[in-house]
Amino acid sequence: MKLGAPYQQSGSTMPEIMVAALLLAVFFASIFELNAVCLRYIDASKESVAALQQVQDRSETLRNLAFNDLTNLSYVQGLLSSPANASDFVKKSTEVVQIRAYPTANGITQLTRLPSGTVTTDSTATNLGITLVQVDVATSWTMTLGRRARSEQVTSIISNGTKK
């Protein structure tokens, strides 16, 4: 070893390590936030699918009724007292069923089922007729993602025919 030769070391300085740690922290924070956003989108999709299923289940229940039961206010009100299905979504959505004579309405029978399970009669049709009725089933809720109001609806024309 020569006495006059400079002693050389290689390694990282403290500022370099701090910059590297900061870059790593920003990278992982971005990944975690992206994951959180994806989970919120998945939750919003689940809500939309649950709403479609709720509307479809209620609509199918009403379509399968005898025509006299469908046009009977107290029967439909009793039917609405139970949820359309067993999903947790029904606990945060408001369901509205409208029944009117078709093609010319003589008033609208409208029933609302609140998330609490309470059923109210908002209006009663003067006459629902004896041949055709239009049934509108709608559900509305406040979406988890963005707290926006959302709704789904289906309309059916039901005839007073014979069941086979």
N, C-alpha and C. Protein backbone atom coordinates (compact mmCIF):
# COMPACT_ATOMS: atom_id res chain seq x y z
N MET A 1 0.83 -1.16 0.00
CA MET A 1 0.00 0.00 0.00
C MET A 1 0.88 1.24 0.00
N LYS A 2 0.52 2.14 -0.84
CA LYS A 2 1.31 3.36 -0.93
C LYS A 2 0.78 4.35 0.09
N LEU A 3 1.62 5.08 0.68
CA LEU A 3 1.20 6.01 1.71
C LEU A 3 0.51 7.24 1.14
N GLY A 4 0.82 7.64 -0.01
CA GLY A 4 0.23 8.86 -0.55
C GLY A 4 -1.07 8.64 -1.30
N ALA A 5 -1.50 7.39 -1.48
CA ALA A 5 -2.71 7.11 -2.27
C ALA A 5 -3.98 7.45 -1.46
N PRO A 6 -4.92 8.08 -2.13
CA PRO A 6 -6.18 8.41 -1.41
C PRO A 6 -7.00 7.14 -1.12
N TYR A 7 -7.66 7.14 0.02
CA TYR A 7 -8.49 6.03 0.44
C TYR A 7 -9.87 6.24 -0.16
N GLN A 8 -10.37 5.28 -1.00
CA GLN A 8 -11.65 5.44 -1.69
C GLN A 8 -12.71 4.54 -1.09
N GLN A 9 -13.92 5.10 -0.90
CA GLN A 9 -15.08 4.35 -0.41
C GLN A 9 -16.23 4.54 -1.39
N SER A 10 -17.03 3.50 -1.52
CA SER A 10 -18.24 3.65 -2.35
C SER A 10 -19.45 3.34 -1.47
N GLY A 11 -20.57 4.01 -1.76
CA GLY A 11 -21.79 3.81 -0.97
C GLY A 11 -22.78 4.92 -1.25
N SER A 12 -23.90 4.88 -0.56
CA SER A 12 -24.96 5.88 -0.75
C SER A 12 -24.89 6.91 0.34
N THR A 13 -25.20 8.12 -0.06
CA THR A 13 -25.24 9.18 0.92
C THR A 13 -26.64 9.28 1.50
N MET A 14 -26.77 9.97 2.59
CA MET A 14 -28.05 10.12 3.26
C MET A 14 -29.11 10.78 2.35
N PRO A 15 -28.81 11.83 1.58
CA PRO A 15 -29.82 12.41 0.69
C PRO A 15 -30.30 11.42 -0.38
N GLU A 16 -29.40 10.60 -0.89
CA GLU A 16 -29.82 9.62 -1.89
C GLU A 16 -30.79 8.61 -1.29
N ILE A 17 -30.52 8.16 -0.07
CA ILE A 17 -31.41 7.20 0.61
C ILE A 17 -32.76 7.83 0.89
N MET A 18 -32.80 9.09 1.27
CA MET A 18 -34.06 9.80 1.56
C MET A 18 -34.91 9.93 0.29
N VAL A 19 -34.28 10.26 -0.82
CA VAL A 19 -35.00 10.38 -2.09
C VAL A 19 -35.58 9.02 -2.51
N ALA A 20 -34.79 7.97 -2.36
CA ALA A 20 -35.25 6.62 -2.71
C ALA A 20 -36.43 6.21 -1.83
N ALA A 21 -36.35 6.50 -0.54
CA ALA A 21 -37.45 6.17 0.39
C ALA A 21 -38.70 6.96 0.04
N LEU A 22 -38.54 8.23 -0.32
CA LEU A 22 -39.68 9.05 -0.71
C LEU A 22 -40.34 8.51 -1.98
N LEU A 23 -39.56 8.14 -2.97
CA LEU A 23 -40.10 7.56 -4.20
C LEU A 23 -40.85 6.26 -3.92
N LEU A 24 -40.30 5.43 -3.06
CA LEU A 24 -40.98 4.18 -2.69
C LEU A 24 -42.29 4.46 -1.97
N ALA A 25 -42.31 5.43 -1.07
CA ALA A 25 -43.53 5.77 -0.33
C ALA A 25 -44.62 6.28 -1.28
N VAL A 26 -44.23 7.14 -2.22
CA VAL A 26 -45.21 7.65 -3.20
C VAL A 26 -45.75 6.52 -4.06
N PHE A 27 -44.89 5.61 -4.49
CA PHE A 27 -45.31 4.48 -5.31
C PHE A 27 -46.33 3.61 -4.57
N PHE A 28 -46.03 3.23 -3.33
CA PHE A 28 -46.93 2.36 -2.58
C PHE A 28 -48.22 3.07 -2.20
N ALA A 29 -48.16 4.37 -1.90
CA ALA A 29 -49.38 5.12 -1.61
C ALA A 29 -50.29 5.16 -2.84
N SER A 30 -49.70 5.32 -4.01
CA SER A 30 -50.49 5.31 -5.26
C SER A 30 -51.13 3.95 -5.49
N ILE A 31 -50.40 2.89 -5.26
CA ILE A 31 -50.94 1.54 -5.43
C ILE A 31 -52.10 1.30 -4.46
N PHE A 32 -51.96 1.69 -3.20
CA PHE A 32 -53.03 1.50 -2.22
C PHE A 32 -54.27 2.32 -2.57
N GLU A 33 -54.07 3.54 -3.05
CA GLU A 33 -55.22 4.37 -3.43
C GLU A 33 -55.92 3.79 -4.65
N LEU A 34 -55.17 3.30 -5.61
CA LEU A 34 -55.76 2.66 -6.78
C LEU A 34 -56.57 1.43 -6.36
N ASN A 35 -56.07 0.66 -5.43
CA ASN A 35 -56.79 -0.49 -4.91
C ASN A 35 -58.09 -0.06 -4.24
N ALA A 36 -58.05 1.01 -3.46
CA ALA A 36 -59.25 1.50 -2.78
C ALA A 36 -60.30 1.97 -3.79
N VAL A 37 -59.88 2.65 -4.84
CA VAL A 37 -60.81 3.10 -5.87
C VAL A 37 -61.45 1.89 -6.57
N CYS A 38 -60.65 0.89 -6.88
CA CYS A 38 -61.18 -0.32 -7.51
C CYS A 38 -62.21 -1.01 -6.62
N LEU A 39 -61.96 -1.06 -5.33
CA LEU A 39 -62.91 -1.67 -4.40
C LEU A 39 -64.21 -0.88 -4.34
N ARG A 40 -64.12 0.45 -4.41
CA ARG A 40 -65.35 1.26 -4.42
C ARG A 40 -66.14 1.04 -5.71
N TYR A 41 -65.45 0.89 -6.85
CA TYR A 41 -66.14 0.60 -8.11
C TYR A 41 -66.80 -0.78 -8.07
N ILE A 42 -66.15 -1.73 -7.45
CA ILE A 42 -66.74 -3.07 -7.32
C ILE A 42 -68.00 -2.99 -6.46
N ASP A 43 -67.96 -2.22 -5.38
CA ASP A 43 -69.12 -2.06 -4.51
C ASP A 43 -70.27 -1.39 -5.27
N ALA A 44 -69.96 -0.39 -6.08
CA ALA A 44 -71.00 0.28 -6.88
C ALA A 44 -71.61 -0.69 -7.88
N SER A 45 -70.81 -1.54 -8.48
CA SER A 45 -71.32 -2.54 -9.42
C SER A 45 -72.22 -3.53 -8.72
N LYS A 46 -71.85 -3.94 -7.53
CA LYS A 46 -72.68 -4.86 -6.75
C LYS A 46 -74.03 -4.22 -6.43
N GLU A 47 -74.03 -2.93 -6.10
CA GLU A 47 -75.28 -2.23 -5.82
C GLU A 47 -76.19 -2.21 -7.05
N SER A 48 -75.61 -1.93 -8.21
CA SER A 48 -76.41 -1.89 -9.44
C SER A 48 -77.01 -3.25 -9.77
N VAL A 49 -76.22 -4.30 -9.61
CA VAL A 49 -76.72 -5.65 -9.87
C VAL A 49 -77.81 -6.01 -8.87
N ALA A 50 -77.62 -5.66 -7.60
CA ALA A 50 -78.63 -5.95 -6.58
C ALA A 50 -79.92 -5.20 -6.86
N ALA A 51 -79.82 -3.96 -7.35
CA ALA A 51 -81.02 -3.19 -7.69
C ALA A 51 -81.76 -3.83 -8.86
N LEU A 52 -81.03 -4.24 -9.88
CA LEU A 52 -81.67 -4.93 -11.01
C LEU A 52 -82.36 -6.21 -10.55
N GLN A 53 -81.71 -6.95 -9.67
CA GLN A 53 -82.30 -8.19 -9.18
C GLN A 53 -83.54 -7.92 -8.34
N GLN A 54 -83.51 -6.88 -7.52
CA GLN A 54 -84.66 -6.53 -6.70
C GLN A 54 -85.86 -6.15 -7.57
N VAL A 55 -85.63 -5.33 -8.57
CA VAL A 55 -86.71 -4.92 -9.47
C VAL A 55 -87.26 -6.13 -10.23
N GLN A 56 -86.37 -6.97 -10.70
CA GLN A 56 -86.79 -8.16 -11.45
C GLN A 56 -87.59 -9.12 -10.56
N ASP A 57 -87.14 -9.34 -9.33
CA ASP A 57 -87.85 -10.24 -8.42
C ASP A 57 -89.25 -9.73 -8.11
N ARG A 58 -89.37 -8.43 -7.82
CA ARG A 58 -90.69 -7.86 -7.51
C ARG A 58 -91.60 -7.92 -8.74
N SER A 59 -91.05 -7.60 -9.89
CA SER A 59 -91.83 -7.63 -11.12
C SER A 59 -92.35 -9.04 -11.41
N GLU A 60 -91.50 -10.05 -11.24
CA GLU A 60 -91.91 -11.44 -11.46
C GLU A 60 -92.99 -11.86 -10.48
N THR A 61 -92.88 -11.42 -9.24
CA THR A 61 -93.90 -11.73 -8.24
C THR A 61 -95.24 -11.14 -8.66
N LEU A 62 -95.24 -9.90 -9.11
CA LEU A 62 -96.49 -9.25 -9.53
C LEU A 62 -97.04 -9.87 -10.81
N ARG A 63 -96.18 -10.27 -11.73
CA ARG A 63 -96.65 -10.89 -12.97
C ARG A 63 -97.32 -12.23 -12.72
N ASN A 64 -96.90 -12.93 -11.68
CA ASN A 64 -97.44 -14.25 -11.39
C ASN A 64 -98.73 -14.22 -10.57
N LEU A 65 -99.20 -13.04 -10.21
CA LEU A 65 -100.44 -12.94 -9.45
C LEU A 65 -101.65 -13.13 -10.35
N ALA A 66 -102.74 -13.58 -9.75
CA ALA A 66 -104.02 -13.57 -10.46
C ALA A 66 -104.41 -12.11 -10.68
N PHE A 67 -105.09 -11.82 -11.78
CA PHE A 67 -105.41 -10.44 -12.14
C PHE A 67 -106.21 -9.76 -11.04
N ASN A 68 -107.15 -10.46 -10.43
CA ASN A 68 -107.96 -9.87 -9.34
C ASN A 68 -107.09 -9.51 -8.14
N ASP A 69 -106.07 -10.31 -7.84
CA ASP A 69 -105.16 -9.98 -6.74
C ASP A 69 -104.28 -8.79 -7.08
N LEU A 70 -103.86 -8.73 -8.34
CA LEU A 70 -103.00 -7.63 -8.79
C LEU A 70 -103.72 -6.29 -8.71
N THR A 71 -105.01 -6.28 -8.95
CA THR A 71 -105.78 -5.03 -8.92
C THR A 71 -106.40 -4.76 -7.55
N ASN A 72 -106.10 -5.61 -6.57
CA ASN A 72 -106.61 -5.44 -5.21
C ASN A 72 -105.54 -4.72 -4.39
N LEU A 73 -105.84 -3.49 -3.96
CA LEU A 73 -104.87 -2.64 -3.26
C LEU A 73 -104.35 -3.30 -1.99
N SER A 74 -105.24 -3.84 -1.16
CA SER A 74 -104.79 -4.41 0.11
C SER A 74 -103.93 -5.65 -0.11
N TYR A 75 -104.22 -6.43 -1.16
CA TYR A 75 -103.41 -7.62 -1.44
C TYR A 75 -102.00 -7.22 -1.84
N VAL A 76 -101.88 -6.25 -2.74
CA VAL A 76 -100.55 -5.80 -3.20
C VAL A 76 -99.80 -5.13 -2.05
N GLN A 77 -100.52 -4.39 -1.21
CA GLN A 77 -99.87 -3.75 -0.06
C GLN A 77 -99.32 -4.80 0.90
N GLY A 78 -100.06 -5.86 1.12
CA GLY A 78 -99.57 -6.95 1.96
C GLY A 78 -98.37 -7.64 1.34
N LEU A 79 -98.39 -7.79 0.03
CA LEU A 79 -97.27 -8.40 -0.69
C LEU A 79 -95.99 -7.56 -0.55
N LEU A 80 -96.15 -6.24 -0.60
CA LEU A 80 -95.00 -5.34 -0.49
C LEU A 80 -94.44 -5.25 0.93
N SER A 81 -95.19 -5.72 1.90
CA SER A 81 -94.69 -5.64 3.28
C SER A 81 -93.46 -6.53 3.49
N SER A 82 -93.29 -7.53 2.64
CA SER A 82 -92.06 -8.33 2.71
C SER A 82 -91.13 -7.90 1.58
N PRO A 83 -89.81 -7.97 1.80
CA PRO A 83 -88.87 -7.52 0.76
C PRO A 83 -88.94 -8.39 -0.49
N ALA A 84 -88.49 -7.85 -1.59
CA ALA A 84 -88.51 -8.56 -2.87
C ALA A 84 -87.60 -9.78 -2.84
N ASN A 85 -86.49 -9.70 -2.13
CA ASN A 85 -85.59 -10.83 -1.97
C ASN A 85 -84.84 -10.66 -0.65
N ALA A 86 -83.95 -11.59 -0.35
CA ALA A 86 -83.28 -11.61 0.96
C ALA A 86 -81.94 -10.86 0.97
N SER A 87 -81.63 -10.09 -0.05
CA SER A 87 -80.34 -9.40 -0.08
C SER A 87 -80.30 -8.25 0.92
N ASP A 88 -79.11 -7.86 1.32
CA ASP A 88 -78.94 -6.73 2.23
C ASP A 88 -79.25 -5.41 1.55
N PHE A 89 -79.23 -5.41 0.23
CA PHE A 89 -79.47 -4.18 -0.52
C PHE A 89 -80.86 -3.59 -0.24
N VAL A 90 -81.86 -4.45 -0.01
CA VAL A 90 -83.23 -3.96 0.20
C VAL A 90 -83.33 -3.09 1.45
N LYS A 91 -82.34 -3.18 2.33
CA LYS A 91 -82.35 -2.38 3.56
C LYS A 91 -81.91 -0.94 3.31
N LYS A 92 -81.45 -0.64 2.09
CA LYS A 92 -81.03 0.74 1.81
C LYS A 92 -81.66 1.31 0.54
N SER A 93 -82.70 0.64 0.05
CA SER A 93 -83.35 1.13 -1.17
C SER A 93 -84.84 1.37 -0.93
N THR A 94 -85.38 2.27 -1.70
CA THR A 94 -86.81 2.57 -1.66
C THR A 94 -87.44 1.99 -2.91
N GLU A 95 -88.51 1.23 -2.72
CA GLU A 95 -89.17 0.54 -3.82
C GLU A 95 -90.53 1.18 -4.08
N VAL A 96 -90.84 1.45 -5.34
CA VAL A 96 -92.11 2.06 -5.71
C VAL A 96 -92.79 1.18 -6.75
N VAL A 97 -94.06 0.85 -6.51
CA VAL A 97 -94.85 0.07 -7.46
C VAL A 97 -96.04 0.93 -7.88
N GLN A 98 -96.20 1.09 -9.20
CA GLN A 98 -97.33 1.83 -9.76
C GLN A 98 -98.15 0.88 -10.63
N ILE A 99 -99.46 0.93 -10.45
CA ILE A 99 -100.37 0.11 -11.25
C ILE A 99 -101.43 1.05 -11.83
N ARG A 100 -101.65 0.93 -13.14
CA ARG A 100 -102.65 1.78 -13.80
C ARG A 100 -103.32 0.99 -14.92
N ALA A 101 -104.53 1.39 -15.25
CA ALA A 101 -105.23 0.76 -16.37
C ALA A 101 -104.47 1.07 -17.65
N TYR A 102 -104.53 0.14 -18.59
CA TYR A 102 -103.82 0.32 -19.87
C TYR A 102 -104.80 0.12 -21.00
N PRO A 103 -104.81 0.89 -22.03
CA PRO A 103 -103.91 1.96 -22.43
C PRO A 103 -104.26 3.32 -21.84
N THR A 104 -105.50 3.50 -21.39
CA THR A 104 -105.90 4.79 -20.84
C THR A 104 -106.03 4.68 -19.34
N ALA A 105 -105.18 5.38 -18.63
CA ALA A 105 -105.18 5.31 -17.17
C ALA A 105 -106.30 6.15 -16.60
N ASN A 106 -106.92 5.62 -15.56
CA ASN A 106 -107.94 6.35 -14.81
C ASN A 106 -107.41 6.49 -13.38
N GLY A 107 -106.31 7.18 -13.27
CA GLY A 107 -105.62 7.31 -11.99
C GLY A 107 -104.53 6.26 -11.87
N ILE A 108 -103.70 6.43 -10.88
CA ILE A 108 -102.58 5.52 -10.65
C ILE A 108 -102.61 5.05 -9.20
N THR A 109 -102.48 3.75 -9.02
CA THR A 109 -102.29 3.21 -7.67
C THR A 109 -100.79 3.13 -7.45
N GLN A 110 -100.30 3.85 -6.47
CA GLN A 110 -98.86 3.87 -6.19
C GLN A 110 -98.61 3.50 -4.74
N LEU A 111 -97.72 2.52 -4.56
CA LEU A 111 -97.32 2.07 -3.24
C LEU A 111 -95.81 2.23 -3.11
N THR A 112 -95.35 2.67 -1.94
CA THR A 112 -93.92 2.86 -1.70
C THR A 112 -93.50 2.03 -0.50
N ARG A 113 -92.41 1.27 -0.69
CA ARG A 113 -91.82 0.49 0.41
C ARG A 113 -90.50 1.14 0.76
N LEU A 114 -90.41 1.66 1.98
CA LEU A 114 -89.21 2.34 2.45
C LEU A 114 -88.17 1.32 2.92
N PRO A 115 -86.91 1.73 3.06
CA PRO A 115 -85.88 0.79 3.54
C PRO A 115 -86.21 0.17 4.90
N SER A 116 -86.99 0.87 5.70
CA SER A 116 -87.37 0.34 7.02
C SER A 116 -88.40 -0.78 6.91
N GLY A 117 -89.02 -0.94 5.72
CA GLY A 117 -90.04 -1.97 5.54
C GLY A 117 -91.45 -1.41 5.59
N THR A 118 -91.58 -0.13 5.90
CA THR A 118 -92.89 0.51 5.95
C THR A 118 -93.45 0.68 4.54
N VAL A 119 -94.72 0.30 4.36
CA VAL A 119 -95.38 0.43 3.06
C VAL A 119 -96.45 1.52 3.17
N THR A 120 -96.39 2.49 2.26
CA THR A 120 -97.39 3.56 2.24
C THR A 120 -98.12 3.55 0.91
N THR A 121 -99.38 3.94 0.95
CA THR A 121 -100.18 4.09 -0.27
C THR A 121 -100.15 5.56 -0.63
N ASP A 122 -99.48 5.89 -1.74
CA ASP A 122 -99.34 7.28 -2.14
C ASP A 122 -100.56 7.77 -2.92
N SER A 123 -101.14 6.91 -3.74
CA SER A 123 -102.34 7.28 -4.49
C SER A 123 -103.09 6.01 -4.86
N THR A 124 -104.39 6.16 -5.13
CA THR A 124 -105.23 5.03 -5.51
C THR A 124 -105.97 5.37 -6.79
N ALA A 125 -105.91 4.47 -7.76
CA ALA A 125 -106.60 4.68 -9.03
C ALA A 125 -108.10 4.59 -8.83
N THR A 126 -108.83 5.37 -9.62
CA THR A 126 -110.28 5.31 -9.57
C THR A 126 -110.76 3.95 -10.07
N ASN A 127 -110.14 3.48 -11.15
CA ASN A 127 -110.55 2.21 -11.74
C ASN A 127 -109.34 1.63 -12.48
N LEU A 128 -109.00 0.37 -12.18
CA LEU A 128 -107.88 -0.27 -12.86
C LEU A 128 -108.33 -1.11 -14.05
N GLY A 129 -109.62 -1.12 -14.32
CA GLY A 129 -110.11 -1.86 -15.48
C GLY A 129 -110.17 -3.35 -15.20
N ILE A 130 -110.55 -4.11 -16.26
CA ILE A 130 -110.69 -5.56 -16.10
C ILE A 130 -109.92 -6.35 -17.16
N THR A 131 -109.17 -5.66 -18.02
CA THR A 131 -108.48 -6.38 -19.10
C THR A 131 -106.97 -6.25 -19.07
N LEU A 132 -106.45 -5.04 -19.02
CA LEU A 132 -105.00 -4.81 -19.07
C LEU A 132 -104.59 -3.79 -18.01
N VAL A 133 -103.42 -4.03 -17.39
CA VAL A 133 -102.85 -3.03 -16.50
C VAL A 133 -101.37 -2.87 -16.82
N GLN A 134 -100.87 -1.69 -16.57
CA GLN A 134 -99.45 -1.41 -16.69
C GLN A 134 -98.88 -1.38 -15.28
N VAL A 135 -97.83 -2.14 -15.04
CA VAL A 135 -97.20 -2.21 -13.72
C VAL A 135 -95.76 -1.70 -13.87
N ASP A 136 -95.44 -0.66 -13.12
CA ASP A 136 -94.08 -0.11 -13.08
C ASP A 136 -93.49 -0.42 -11.72
N VAL A 137 -92.33 -1.05 -11.71
CA VAL A 137 -91.61 -1.34 -10.47
C VAL A 137 -90.28 -0.60 -10.55
N ALA A 138 -90.01 0.22 -9.53
CA ALA A 138 -88.77 0.99 -9.51
C ALA A 138 -88.13 0.89 -8.13
N THR A 139 -86.83 0.96 -8.11
CA THR A 139 -86.09 1.04 -6.85
C THR A 139 -85.09 2.19 -6.96
N SER A 140 -84.90 2.89 -5.87
CA SER A 140 -83.93 3.99 -5.86
C SER A 140 -83.10 3.91 -4.59
N TRP A 141 -81.87 4.38 -4.69
CA TRP A 141 -80.95 4.33 -3.56
C TRP A 141 -79.87 5.38 -3.77
N THR A 142 -79.14 5.66 -2.70
CA THR A 142 -77.99 6.55 -2.77
C THR A 142 -76.75 5.67 -2.89
N MET A 143 -76.05 5.85 -3.97
CA MET A 143 -74.90 5.01 -4.28
C MET A 143 -73.75 5.26 -3.30
N THR A 144 -73.05 4.21 -2.95
CA THR A 144 -71.90 4.34 -2.05
C THR A 144 -70.81 5.19 -2.69
N LEU A 145 -70.50 4.94 -3.95
CA LEU A 145 -69.46 5.68 -4.66
C LEU A 145 -70.00 7.03 -5.12
N GLY A 146 -69.54 8.10 -4.54
CA GLY A 146 -69.93 9.43 -4.96
C GLY A 146 -71.24 9.93 -4.36
N ARG A 147 -71.93 9.09 -3.57
CA ARG A 147 -73.19 9.48 -2.91
C ARG A 147 -74.21 10.03 -3.89
N ARG A 148 -74.26 9.46 -5.10
CA ARG A 148 -75.22 9.91 -6.12
C ARG A 148 -76.50 9.11 -6.00
N ALA A 149 -77.62 9.76 -6.36
CA ALA A 149 -78.91 9.08 -6.38
C ALA A 149 -78.98 8.21 -7.63
N ARG A 150 -79.38 6.97 -7.48
CA ARG A 150 -79.49 6.02 -8.60
C ARG A 150 -80.86 5.38 -8.56
N SER A 151 -81.31 4.84 -9.70
CA SER A 151 -82.58 4.12 -9.74
C SER A 151 -82.59 3.12 -10.88
N GLU A 152 -83.42 2.11 -10.73
CA GLU A 152 -83.67 1.10 -11.76
C GLU A 152 -85.17 0.92 -11.85
N GLN A 153 -85.67 0.65 -13.07
CA GLN A 153 -87.11 0.52 -13.24
C GLN A 153 -87.42 -0.49 -14.35
N VAL A 154 -88.56 -1.17 -14.20
CA VAL A 154 -89.05 -2.07 -15.23
C VAL A 154 -90.56 -1.85 -15.35
N THR A 155 -91.06 -1.93 -16.58
CA THR A 155 -92.49 -1.77 -16.86
C THR A 155 -93.02 -3.03 -17.52
N SER A 156 -94.20 -3.46 -17.09
CA SER A 156 -94.85 -4.64 -17.67
C SER A 156 -96.31 -4.31 -17.97
N ILE A 157 -96.81 -4.89 -19.05
CA ILE A 157 -98.24 -4.83 -19.37
C ILE A 157 -98.77 -6.23 -19.07
N ILE A 158 -99.74 -6.31 -18.17
CA ILE A 158 -100.26 -7.60 -17.73
C ILE A 158 -101.72 -7.72 -18.14
N SER A 159 -102.05 -8.85 -18.73
CA SER A 159 -103.40 -9.11 -19.23
C SER A 159 -104.20 -9.97 -18.26
N ASN A 160 -105.50 -9.79 -18.27
CA ASN A 160 -106.40 -10.62 -17.48
C ASN A 160 -106.71 -11.87 -18.31
N GLY A 161 -105.78 -12.75 -18.35
CA GLY A 161 -105.94 -13.98 -19.12
C GLY A 161 -106.03 -15.18 -18.21
N THR A 162 -106.14 -16.33 -18.80
CA THR A 162 -106.20 -17.55 -18.00
C THR A 162 -104.81 -18.10 -17.81
N LYS A 163 -104.55 -18.55 -16.59
CA LYS A 163 -103.27 -19.18 -16.27
C LYS A 163 -103.37 -20.65 -16.65
N LYS A 164 -102.34 -21.17 -17.27
CA LYS A 164 -102.35 -22.59 -17.67
C LYS A 164 -101.42 -23.37 -16.81
